């Protein structure tokens, strides 16, 4: 089991700076939609003694580890086992002052070999964020028809060789079903051309990403979670989202931009009442980790951070 003390939160200082105007020196409610090992939340609670935390995670193991880590904060902390699209129910419809979504697979899940998220270790092809419930990555590989496998590899992994990989998987599973990551990685080394491997990173990266997204319905959850989170954000409240792949980052960008844009007709000289922007974009585009941050925490290499502040209630 991963110990909380070893967890290094991604872009922690920047996240704290972005949330501070909404949380400092007041009785405020902060929602960590992806609690994980609790590193970001612990820092927020330490920085703002009057803040109350509602921590969400679908993984009961993460909840238990965070419960231990955050025990010193007593009744300032509430834990809810749910996916991040359950935020509205988790806060009981109340308005909140700060929201963090640190998307993707957590350090806890990556480091647990038996969960099967890491292609660098031969382990069971599981990849479920909610341990023990739902279909596994092996189920996807062994049962999906070739066209469906091609679709998820292409759409979720942005894999150029999606059809070639899907065809190889179907042929190979007829000989023997897939159960471990090592056999899948070996197949990918055979299928992905050597020239692509030299320039495009590990040949398993995109396939493992696609399987993880499919198993956990990540994009659908995020599609529902973004409007749900923005609907409970109070005026003056801030939301920070850390995405680690382009599909998620594009969804965040679209959701923020839509509410940061006036809906008044462009040819009118004045803003119509109730048609002004609801959000103010706090970051200019997506921020990335600098070289020092990546050196300290290699998992920050692919992060794309965006933040926004609610400036008007929806009408």
Protein backbone atom coordinates (compact mmCIF):
# COMPACT_ATOMS: atom_id res chain seq x y z
CA UNK A 1 0.00 0.00 0.00
CA UNK A 2 1.24 3.51 -0.89
CA UNK A 3 1.94 5.66 2.12
CA UNK A 4 0.44 9.20 1.93
CA UNK A 5 3.68 10.86 3.00
CA UNK A 6 5.38 9.74 -0.21
CA UNK A 7 2.82 11.40 -2.45
CA UNK A 8 3.99 14.57 -4.25
CA UNK A 9 1.01 16.69 -5.41
CA UNK A 10 1.35 18.11 -8.93
CA UNK A 11 1.84 21.92 -9.18
CA UNK A 12 0.94 22.28 -5.51
CA UNK A 13 2.25 25.84 -5.12
CA UNK A 14 0.42 27.08 -8.21
CA UNK A 15 -2.83 25.39 -7.14
CA UNK A 16 -2.63 27.08 -3.72
CA UNK A 17 -1.95 30.48 -5.30
CA UNK A 18 -4.91 30.16 -7.66
CA UNK A 19 -7.34 29.06 -4.94
CA UNK A 20 -6.20 31.54 -2.28
CA UNK A 21 -8.32 34.55 -3.37
CA UNK A 22 -11.47 32.44 -2.93
CA UNK A 23 -10.50 30.76 0.36
CA UNK A 24 -8.27 33.08 2.39
CA UNK A 25 -9.45 34.64 5.67
CA UNK A 26 -13.04 33.48 5.52
CA UNK A 27 -15.34 30.57 6.34
CA UNK A 28 -15.20 28.78 3.02
CA UNK A 29 -15.98 25.36 1.55
CA UNK A 30 -13.43 23.65 -0.67
CA UNK A 31 -14.23 20.53 -2.70
CA UNK A 32 -11.43 18.23 -3.81
CA UNK A 33 -13.17 16.19 -6.49
CA UNK A 34 -10.25 13.78 -6.89
CA UNK A 35 -8.99 13.38 -3.34
CA UNK A 36 -6.48 10.59 -4.02
CA UNK A 37 -3.85 10.56 -1.28
CA UNK A 38 -4.97 13.96 0.02
CA UNK A 39 -1.83 15.99 -0.71
CA UNK A 40 -3.52 19.01 -2.27
CA UNK A 41 -6.27 18.99 0.35
CA UNK A 42 -3.85 18.80 3.26
CA UNK A 43 -2.01 21.87 1.96
CA UNK A 44 -5.27 23.81 1.51
CA UNK A 45 -6.41 22.99 5.05
CA UNK A 46 -3.03 24.02 6.47
CA UNK A 47 -2.99 27.29 4.53
CA UNK A 48 -6.58 28.29 5.39
CA UNK A 49 -7.65 27.43 8.97
CA UNK A 50 -11.26 28.47 8.38
CA UNK A 51 -11.79 26.30 5.31
CA UNK A 52 -13.92 23.16 5.42
CA UNK A 53 -13.10 20.32 3.01
CA UNK A 54 -15.43 17.94 1.18
CA UNK A 55 -13.20 15.24 -0.30
CA UNK A 56 -14.51 13.05 -3.13
CA UNK A 57 -13.00 9.86 -4.52
CA UNK A 58 -14.40 6.74 -6.14
CA UNK A 59 -11.66 4.56 -4.65
CA UNK A 60 -12.36 3.34 -1.08
CA UNK A 61 -8.64 2.74 -0.53
CA UNK A 62 -7.92 6.39 -1.34
CA UNK A 63 -10.64 7.51 1.07
CA UNK A 64 -9.15 5.40 3.86
CA UNK A 65 -5.58 6.67 3.32
CA UNK A 66 -6.76 10.28 3.14
CA UNK A 67 -8.87 9.80 6.25
CA UNK A 68 -5.69 8.91 8.13
CA UNK A 69 -3.68 11.73 6.61
CA UNK A 70 -6.31 14.39 7.29
CA UNK A 71 -7.34 13.14 10.76
CA UNK A 72 -5.60 16.10 12.49
CA UNK A 73 -8.14 18.46 10.89
CA UNK A 74 -11.05 16.78 12.68
CA UNK A 75 -14.55 17.89 11.74
CA UNK A 76 -13.27 20.32 9.12
CA UNK A 77 -13.18 17.33 6.74
CA UNK A 78 -15.99 15.31 5.18
CA UNK A 79 -15.39 12.31 2.91
CA UNK A 80 -17.71 11.14 0.13
CA UNK A 81 -17.09 8.03 -1.96
CA UNK A 82 -18.29 9.02 -5.42
CA UNK A 83 -17.08 9.94 -8.89
CA UNK A 84 -16.50 13.61 -9.56
CA UNK A 85 -19.72 13.93 -11.55
CA UNK A 86 -21.47 13.37 -8.21
CA UNK A 87 -20.31 16.73 -6.83
CA UNK A 88 -23.77 18.35 -6.71
CA UNK A 89 -25.18 15.54 -4.57
CA UNK A 90 -22.04 15.46 -2.44
CA UNK A 91 -22.42 19.13 -1.47
CA UNK A 92 -26.19 18.85 -1.04
CA UNK A 93 -26.84 21.53 -3.64
CA UNK A 94 -25.01 24.17 -1.60
CA UNK A 95 -22.63 26.71 -3.14
CA UNK A 96 -18.90 26.20 -2.60
CA UNK A 97 -15.92 28.54 -2.79
CA UNK A 98 -13.18 26.39 -4.26
CA UNK A 99 -13.03 23.28 -6.44
CA UNK A 100 -10.07 21.18 -7.54
CA UNK A 101 -10.11 18.43 -10.16
CA UNK A 102 -6.80 16.59 -10.52
CA UNK A 103 -7.76 14.27 -13.36
CA UNK A 104 -6.41 10.94 -14.53
CA UNK A 105 -4.93 8.06 -12.61
CA UNK A 106 -3.70 8.76 -9.08
CA UNK A 107 -0.31 7.99 -7.56
CA UNK A 108 -2.00 5.38 -5.38
CA UNK A 109 -3.34 3.54 -8.41
CA UNK A 110 -0.17 3.86 -10.49
CA UNK A 111 2.03 2.50 -7.73
CA UNK A 112 -0.20 -0.47 -6.85
CA UNK A 113 1.04 -3.23 -9.17
CA UNK A 114 -2.10 -5.32 -8.68
CA UNK A 115 -4.24 -2.53 -10.20
CA UNK A 116 -2.58 -2.90 -13.63
CA UNK A 117 -2.30 0.79 -14.57
CA UNK A 118 1.46 0.84 -15.22
CA UNK A 119 2.80 -0.74 -18.41
CA UNK A 120 6.31 -0.86 -16.95
CA UNK A 121 5.36 -3.80 -14.70
CA UNK A 122 3.79 -7.13 -15.58
CA UNK A 123 0.55 -7.20 -13.62
CA UNK A 124 -3.13 -8.18 -13.96
CA UNK A 125 -4.99 -6.19 -16.62
CA UNK A 126 -7.44 -4.55 -14.21
CA UNK A 127 -7.29 -0.70 -14.40
CA UNK A 128 -10.45 -0.12 -12.34
CA UNK A 129 -10.32 3.03 -10.23
CA UNK A 130 -13.16 1.66 -8.12
CA UNK A 131 -11.34 -1.48 -7.05
CA UNK A 132 -13.38 -4.66 -7.46
CA UNK A 133 -16.39 -3.24 -9.34
CA UNK A 134 -17.19 -3.17 -13.04
CA UNK A 135 -15.38 -4.55 -16.07
CA UNK A 136 -11.61 -4.78 -16.28
CA UNK A 137 -9.17 -3.93 -19.05
CA UNK A 138 -8.87 -7.68 -19.71
CA UNK A 139 -12.64 -7.83 -20.25
CA UNK A 140 -12.37 -5.08 -22.86
CA UNK A 141 -9.49 -6.76 -24.69
CA UNK A 142 -11.08 -10.20 -24.63
CA UNK A 143 -14.69 -9.36 -25.56
CA UNK A 144 -14.89 -6.17 -27.63
CA UNK A 145 -15.27 -6.66 -31.40
CA UNK A 146 -12.43 -5.38 -33.58
CA UNK A 147 -14.30 -2.24 -34.69
CA UNK A 148 -15.07 -1.25 -31.09
CA UNK A 149 -11.48 -1.84 -30.00
CA UNK A 150 -10.33 0.27 -32.92
CA UNK A 151 -12.68 3.08 -31.90
CA UNK A 152 -11.53 3.32 -28.29
CA UNK A 153 -7.85 3.10 -29.23
CA UNK A 154 -8.31 5.83 -31.85
CA UNK A 155 -10.66 8.12 -29.89
CA UNK A 156 -9.37 7.68 -26.34
CA UNK A 157 -5.72 6.89 -27.01
CA UNK A 158 -5.29 8.98 -30.18
CA UNK A 159 -3.42 5.93 -31.45
CA UNK A 160 -2.36 6.09 -35.13
CA UNK A 161 -2.16 2.30 -35.38
CA UNK A 162 -5.52 1.62 -33.72
CA UNK A 163 -6.88 -0.76 -36.36
CA UNK A 164 -3.61 -2.67 -36.65
CA UNK A 165 -3.41 -3.11 -32.87
CA UNK A 166 -7.08 -4.11 -32.57
CA UNK A 167 -6.66 -6.74 -35.27
CA UNK A 168 -3.60 -8.17 -33.55
CA UNK A 169 -5.41 -8.29 -30.19
CA UNK A 170 -8.36 -10.19 -31.66
CA UNK A 171 -6.09 -12.72 -33.36
CA UNK A 172 -4.00 -13.19 -30.23
CA UNK A 173 -6.94 -13.59 -27.84
CA UNK A 174 -8.29 -16.46 -29.94
CA UNK A 175 -5.13 -18.32 -29.07
CA UNK A 176 -5.31 -17.35 -25.38
CA UNK A 177 -7.26 -14.63 -23.51
CA UNK A 178 -5.32 -11.64 -22.18
CA UNK A 179 -4.80 -11.58 -18.42
CA UNK A 180 -1.60 -9.60 -17.77
CA UNK A 181 -0.06 -6.37 -18.99
CA UNK A 182 3.25 -7.96 -19.98
CA UNK A 183 1.69 -9.94 -22.83
CA UNK A 184 -0.13 -6.86 -24.13
CA UNK A 185 3.05 -4.78 -24.01
CA UNK A 186 4.90 -7.51 -25.93
CA UNK A 187 2.20 -7.44 -28.62
CA UNK A 188 2.42 -3.64 -28.88
CA UNK A 189 6.20 -3.79 -29.35
CA UNK A 190 5.59 -6.18 -32.25
CA UNK A 191 2.81 -4.10 -33.86
CA UNK A 192 3.95 -0.49 -33.46
CA UNK A 193 6.69 0.31 -36.01
CA UNK A 194 10.20 0.81 -34.63
CA UNK A 195 10.46 4.30 -36.14
CA UNK A 196 7.38 5.40 -34.22
CA UNK A 197 8.70 3.87 -31.00
CA UNK A 198 11.89 5.92 -31.30
CA UNK A 199 10.04 9.26 -31.53
CA UNK A 200 6.64 8.68 -29.95
CA UNK A 201 7.48 7.35 -26.51
CA UNK A 202 6.59 3.95 -25.10
CA UNK A 203 4.43 1.96 -27.57
CA UNK A 204 2.00 0.99 -24.79
CA UNK A 205 1.28 4.51 -23.53
CA UNK A 206 -1.67 5.31 -25.79
CA UNK A 207 -3.24 1.87 -25.62
CA UNK A 208 -3.10 1.80 -21.82
CA UNK A 209 -4.60 5.31 -21.69
CA UNK A 210 -7.46 4.24 -23.97
CA UNK A 211 -8.22 1.11 -21.94
CA UNK A 212 -8.17 3.04 -18.65
CA UNK A 213 -10.56 5.68 -20.00
CA UNK A 214 -12.94 3.01 -21.33
CA UNK A 215 -12.91 0.92 -18.15
CA UNK A 216 -13.59 3.91 -15.89
CA UNK A 217 -15.83 5.90 -18.27
CA UNK A 218 -13.59 8.87 -17.55
CA UNK A 219 -14.59 11.16 -20.40
CA UNK A 220 -18.31 10.66 -19.84
CA UNK A 221 -17.85 11.36 -16.12
CA UNK A 222 -15.87 14.51 -16.90
CA UNK A 223 -18.46 15.63 -19.46
CA UNK A 224 -21.06 15.54 -16.70
CA UNK A 225 -18.77 16.71 -13.91
CA UNK A 226 -17.70 20.03 -15.42
CA UNK A 227 -21.20 21.60 -15.67
CA UNK A 228 -22.13 20.06 -12.31
CA UNK A 229 -19.08 21.60 -10.63
CA UNK A 230 -19.60 24.99 -12.24
CA UNK A 231 -23.25 24.99 -11.17
CA UNK A 232 -22.30 24.80 -7.47
CA UNK A 233 -19.44 27.33 -7.64
CA UNK A 234 -20.34 30.51 -5.75
CA UNK A 235 -19.75 33.98 -7.17
CA UNK A 236 -16.14 34.77 -6.33
CA UNK A 237 -15.36 31.06 -6.12
CA UNK A 238 -12.58 29.47 -8.13
CA UNK A 239 -12.16 26.15 -9.92
CA UNK A 240 -8.78 24.63 -10.83
CA UNK A 241 -8.48 21.65 -13.16
CA UNK A 242 -5.32 19.65 -13.85
CA UNK A 243 -5.58 17.46 -16.97
CA UNK A 244 -2.95 15.05 -18.20
CA UNK A 245 -4.06 14.29 -21.74
CA UNK A 246 -5.39 16.38 -24.60
CA UNK A 247 -8.91 14.91 -24.68
CA UNK A 248 -9.59 16.01 -21.11
CA UNK A 249 -7.90 19.39 -21.53
CA UNK A 250 -10.02 20.20 -24.60
CA UNK A 251 -13.19 19.41 -22.65
CA UNK A 252 -12.10 21.70 -19.81
CA UNK A 253 -11.19 24.48 -22.24
CA UNK A 254 -14.58 24.29 -23.98
CA UNK A 255 -16.53 24.27 -20.70
CA UNK A 256 -14.66 27.28 -19.32
CA UNK A 257 -14.69 29.25 -22.58
CA UNK A 258 -18.44 28.77 -23.08
CA UNK A 259 -19.23 30.41 -19.73
CA UNK A 260 -16.52 33.07 -20.10
CA UNK A 261 -18.14 34.37 -23.30
CA UNK A 262 -20.99 36.87 -23.57
CA UNK A 263 -24.20 35.57 -25.13
CA UNK A 264 -25.33 39.03 -26.25
CA UNK A 265 -25.56 39.50 -30.03
CA UNK A 266 -22.18 40.74 -31.25
CA UNK A 267 -23.60 43.77 -33.10
CA UNK A 268 -25.20 45.31 -29.98
CA UNK A 269 -23.33 48.28 -28.47
CA UNK A 270 -24.18 47.27 -24.87
CA UNK A 271 -24.32 44.03 -22.90
CA UNK A 272 -27.83 42.67 -22.49
CA UNK A 273 -28.82 42.04 -18.84
CA UNK A 274 -28.20 38.45 -17.89
CA UNK A 275 -26.10 37.74 -20.99
CA UNK A 276 -22.64 38.67 -19.72
CA UNK A 277 -19.90 36.14 -19.02
CA UNK A 278 -20.39 33.91 -15.97
CA UNK A 279 -16.69 33.07 -15.62
CA UNK A 280 -13.39 34.92 -15.75
CA UNK A 281 -10.47 32.87 -17.01
CA UNK A 282 -7.70 33.13 -14.42
CA UNK A 283 -4.99 31.36 -16.42
CA UNK A 284 -3.89 32.30 -19.92
CA UNK A 285 -4.51 29.08 -21.76
CA UNK A 286 -3.24 25.89 -20.17
CA UNK A 287 -0.28 26.22 -17.82
CA UNK A 288 2.44 23.56 -17.78
CA UNK A 289 5.00 22.48 -15.22
CA UNK A 290 8.47 23.99 -15.46
CA UNK A 291 11.68 21.99 -15.66
CA UNK A 292 12.27 22.10 -11.92
CA UNK A 293 8.76 20.87 -11.13
CA UNK A 294 9.16 17.99 -13.58
CA UNK A 295 12.57 17.12 -12.12
CA UNK A 296 11.04 17.03 -8.62
CA UNK A 297 7.93 15.18 -9.75
CA UNK A 298 8.10 13.42 -13.15
CA UNK A 299 4.33 12.87 -13.14
CA UNK A 300 3.93 16.62 -13.72
CA UNK A 301 5.44 16.35 -17.21
CA UNK A 302 2.11 16.11 -19.04
CA UNK A 303 -0.06 18.33 -16.82
CA UNK A 304 -2.20 21.09 -18.32
CA UNK A 305 -3.68 23.39 -15.67
CA UNK A 306 -6.62 25.76 -16.20
CA UNK A 307 -8.45 27.93 -13.66
CA UNK A 308 -11.53 30.14 -13.68
CA UNK A 309 -13.49 32.33 -11.27
CA UNK A 310 -17.27 32.71 -11.21
CA UNK A 311 -18.20 36.39 -11.64
CA UNK A 312 -21.95 36.07 -12.18
CA UNK A 313 -24.68 33.62 -11.30
CA UNK A 314 -26.38 31.77 -14.14
CA UNK A 315 -29.79 33.20 -14.96
